[in-house]
């Protein structure tokens, strides 16, 4: 009988800290987040330009930089996952 508190047990969830299945899944998730976030930011920029809200356009540009920084961080964590195994 296997104990629920086996010392070799690894979490089976989905996430960078909960036992992502593979490097490829981690990279795919990072790309998905970047693309989806960028699409929303571009849509917001188009709407803001249409209304002449240039301050919002600048704020959304800074927000896009945060998406790119998050993407770089997730890619770094995905590469670390490969090295640990």
C-alpha atoms as a PDB file:
ATOM      1  CA  UNK A   1       0.000   0.000   0.000  1.00  0.00           C
ATOM      2  CA  UNK A   2       1.314   3.442  -0.964  1.00  0.00           C
ATOM      3  CA  UNK A   3       1.285   6.191   1.600  1.00  0.00           C
ATOM      4  CA  UNK A   4      -0.174   9.604   0.737  1.00  0.00           C
ATOM      5  CA  UNK A   5       2.897  11.154   2.351  1.00  0.00           C
ATOM      6  CA  UNK A   6       5.473   9.503   0.134  1.00  0.00           C
ATOM      7  CA  UNK A   7       8.710  11.514   0.222  1.00  0.00           C
ATOM      8  CA  UNK A   8       9.235  11.124  -3.542  1.00  0.00           C
ATOM      9  CA  UNK A   9       5.825  12.588  -4.396  1.00  0.00           C
ATOM     10  CA  UNK A  10       5.838  15.590  -6.723  1.00  0.00           C
ATOM     11  CA  UNK A  11       2.804  17.850  -7.168  1.00  0.00           C
ATOM     12  CA  UNK A  12       0.799  17.166 -10.312  1.00  0.00           C
ATOM     13  CA  UNK A  13      -0.781  20.612 -10.708  1.00  0.00           C
ATOM     14  CA  UNK A  14      -0.352  23.154 -13.474  1.00  0.00           C
ATOM     15  CA  UNK A  15       1.958  26.055 -12.742  1.00  0.00           C
ATOM     16  CA  UNK A  16       5.592  27.028 -12.583  1.00  0.00           C
ATOM     17  CA  UNK A  17       5.829  26.207  -8.887  1.00  0.00           C
ATOM     18  CA  UNK A  18       3.473  23.228  -8.686  1.00  0.00           C
ATOM     19  CA  UNK A  19       5.064  20.642 -10.944  1.00  0.00           C
ATOM     20  CA  UNK A  20       4.626  21.677 -14.569  1.00  0.00           C
ATOM     21  CA  UNK A  21       4.771  18.615 -16.777  1.00  0.00           C
ATOM     22  CA  UNK A  22       7.527  19.721 -19.157  1.00  0.00           C
ATOM     23  CA  UNK A  23       9.581  22.598 -20.457  1.00  0.00           C
ATOM     24  CA  UNK A  24       7.490  22.646 -23.640  1.00  0.00           C
ATOM     25  CA  UNK A  25       4.273  23.164 -21.666  1.00  0.00           C
ATOM     26  CA  UNK A  26       5.890  25.972 -19.676  1.00  0.00           C
ATOM     27  CA  UNK A  27       7.066  27.698 -22.859  1.00  0.00           C
ATOM     28  CA  UNK A  28       3.657  27.247 -24.468  1.00  0.00           C
ATOM     29  CA  UNK A  29       1.969  28.818 -21.442  1.00  0.00           C
ATOM     30  CA  UNK A  30       4.405  31.761 -21.479  1.00  0.00           C
ATOM     31  CA  UNK A  31       3.738  32.393 -25.176  1.00  0.00           C
ATOM     32  CA  UNK A  32      -0.024  32.113 -24.626  1.00  0.00           C
ATOM     33  CA  UNK A  33       0.052  34.696 -21.812  1.00  0.00           C
ATOM     34  CA  UNK A  34       2.194  37.083 -23.875  1.00  0.00           C
ATOM     35  CA  UNK A  35      -0.020  36.834 -26.971  1.00  0.00           C
ATOM     36  CA  UNK A  36      -3.307  37.150 -25.092  1.00  0.00           C
ATOM     37  CA  UNK A  37      -2.091  40.052 -22.971  1.00  0.00           C
ATOM     38  CA  UNK A  38      -0.621  41.831 -25.975  1.00  0.00           C
ATOM     39  CA  UNK A  39      -3.871  41.471 -27.918  1.00  0.00           C
ATOM     40  CA  UNK A  40      -5.816  43.095 -25.102  1.00  0.00           C
ATOM     41  CA  UNK A  41      -3.279  45.919 -24.800  1.00  0.00           C
ATOM     42  CA  UNK A  42      -3.356  46.579 -28.561  1.00  0.00           C
ATOM     43  CA  UNK A  43      -7.155  46.604 -28.517  1.00  0.00           C
ATOM     44  CA  UNK A  44      -7.083  49.101 -25.655  1.00  0.00           C
ATOM     45  CA  UNK A  45      -4.592  51.259 -27.535  1.00  0.00           C
ATOM     46  CA  UNK A  46      -6.763  51.282 -30.664  1.00  0.00           C
ATOM     47  CA  UNK A  47      -9.785  52.317 -28.628  1.00  0.00           C
ATOM     48  CA  UNK A  48      -7.810  54.975 -26.721  1.00  0.00           C
ATOM     49  CA  UNK A  49      -6.378  56.473 -29.930  1.00  0.00           C
ATOM     50  CA  UNK A  50      -9.879  56.573 -31.375  1.00  0.00           C
ATOM     51  CA  UNK A  51     -11.024  58.616 -28.378  1.00  0.00           C
ATOM     52  CA  UNK A  52      -7.874  60.776 -28.321  1.00  0.00           C
ATOM     53  CA  UNK A  53      -6.803  59.552 -24.879  1.00  0.00           C
ATOM     54  CA  UNK A  54      -3.039  59.760 -25.345  1.00  0.00           C
ATOM     55  CA  UNK A  55      -2.279  59.356 -21.644  1.00  0.00           C
ATOM     56  CA  UNK A  56      -3.989  55.967 -21.712  1.00  0.00           C
ATOM     57  CA  UNK A  57      -1.959  54.978 -24.761  1.00  0.00           C
ATOM     58  CA  UNK A  58       1.240  55.742 -22.852  1.00  0.00           C
ATOM     59  CA  UNK A  59      -0.023  53.818 -19.812  1.00  0.00           C
ATOM     60  CA  UNK A  60      -0.887  50.825 -21.987  1.00  0.00           C
ATOM     61  CA  UNK A  61       2.587  50.949 -23.570  1.00  0.00           C
ATOM     62  CA  UNK A  62       4.095  50.674 -20.075  1.00  0.00           C
ATOM     63  CA  UNK A  63       1.668  47.834 -19.319  1.00  0.00           C
ATOM     64  CA  UNK A  64       2.879  46.030 -22.453  1.00  0.00           C
ATOM     65  CA  UNK A  65       6.447  46.319 -21.177  1.00  0.00           C
ATOM     66  CA  UNK A  66       5.274  44.524 -18.030  1.00  0.00           C
ATOM     67  CA  UNK A  67       3.878  41.701 -20.192  1.00  0.00           C
ATOM     68  CA  UNK A  68       7.216  41.389 -21.991  1.00  0.00           C
ATOM     69  CA  UNK A  69       9.081  41.343 -18.664  1.00  0.00           C
ATOM     70  CA  UNK A  70       6.716  38.655 -17.348  1.00  0.00           C
ATOM     71  CA  UNK A  71       7.280  36.641 -20.519  1.00  0.00           C
ATOM     72  CA  UNK A  72      11.045  36.862 -20.048  1.00  0.00           C
ATOM     73  CA  UNK A  73      10.697  35.729 -16.420  1.00  0.00           C
ATOM     74  CA  UNK A  74       8.486  32.765 -17.368  1.00  0.00           C
ATOM     75  CA  UNK A  75      10.921  31.737 -20.117  1.00  0.00           C
ATOM     76  CA  UNK A  76      13.765  31.864 -17.596  1.00  0.00           C
ATOM     77  CA  UNK A  77      11.782  29.629 -15.200  1.00  0.00           C
ATOM     78  CA  UNK A  78      11.004  27.218 -18.055  1.00  0.00           C
ATOM     79  CA  UNK A  79      14.687  26.933 -18.921  1.00  0.00           C
ATOM     80  CA  UNK A  80      15.568  26.365 -15.252  1.00  0.00           C
ATOM     81  CA  UNK A  81      13.058  23.483 -15.217  1.00  0.00           C
ATOM     82  CA  UNK A  82      15.018  21.749 -17.970  1.00  0.00           C
ATOM     83  CA  UNK A  83      18.323  22.124 -16.106  1.00  0.00           C
ATOM     84  CA  UNK A  84      16.964  20.724 -12.846  1.00  0.00           C
ATOM     85  CA  UNK A  85      15.978  17.398 -14.365  1.00  0.00           C
END
